Amino acid sequence: MATHHAGRPVPAVLATLRDRVPRAPGLGLDEGALLRIAHEISVGHDPSGL
């Protein structure tokens, strides 16, 4: 996902993350975490570190 969405605006990446990331107790992905990940993807970084 990161390479496909690199360079796109943060709001577009954030919307995609909201749609694709499963909600699970204890996952720790609140809105702030999703926003940070969206920003990393938007600027071309892979937040997974791979």
Protein backbone atom coordinates (compact mmCIF):
# COMPACT_ATOMS: atom_id res chain seq x y z
CA MET A 1 0.00 0.00 0.00
CA ALA A 2 2.78 2.42 0.84
CA THR A 3 4.35 2.36 -2.61
CA HIS A 4 0.97 2.64 -4.35
CA HIS A 5 -0.09 5.69 -2.31
CA ALA A 6 3.29 7.46 -2.04
CA GLY A 7 3.01 11.10 -3.04
CA ARG A 8 -0.74 11.30 -2.60
CA PRO A 9 -2.23 13.91 -0.27
CA VAL A 10 -2.40 12.95 3.40
CA PRO A 11 -6.24 13.11 3.53
CA ALA A 12 -6.49 10.62 0.65
CA VAL A 13 -4.02 8.23 2.27
CA LEU A 14 -5.76 8.61 5.63
CA ALA A 15 -9.13 7.74 4.08
CA THR A 16 -7.63 4.60 2.54
CA LEU A 17 -6.07 3.58 5.85
CA ARG A 18 -9.41 4.06 7.64
CA ASP A 19 -11.04 1.76 5.08
CA ARG A 20 -8.36 -0.94 5.06
CA VAL A 21 -6.91 -1.18 8.57
CA PRO A 22 -8.92 -3.62 10.68
CA ARG A 23 -10.20 -2.38 14.00
CA ALA A 24 -9.14 -4.70 16.78
CA PRO A 25 -8.86 -4.22 20.53
CA GLY A 26 -5.28 -3.65 21.56
CA LEU A 27 -4.06 -2.86 18.06
CA GLY A 28 -3.24 0.68 19.18
CA LEU A 29 -4.14 2.45 15.94
CA ASP A 30 -6.07 5.48 17.06
CA GLU A 31 -6.71 8.48 14.79
CA GLY A 32 -3.37 10.05 15.70
CA ALA A 33 -1.46 6.88 14.80
CA LEU A 34 -3.30 6.58 11.48
CA LEU A 35 -2.51 10.23 10.71
CA ARG A 36 1.21 9.67 11.39
CA ILE A 37 1.23 6.60 9.15
CA ALA A 38 -0.66 8.49 6.42
CA HIS A 39 1.92 11.28 6.54
CA GLU A 40 4.81 8.82 6.26
CA ILE A 41 3.19 7.16 3.23
CA SER A 42 2.37 10.52 1.65
CA VAL A 43 6.02 11.61 1.70
CA GLY A 44 7.15 8.27 0.28
CA HIS A 45 8.29 6.42 3.38
CA ASP A 46 7.24 2.85 4.12
CA PRO A 47 6.13 2.96 7.76
CA SER A 48 6.56 -0.80 8.12
CA GLY A 49 10.33 -0.39 7.91
CA LEU A 50 10.63 -3.12 5.28
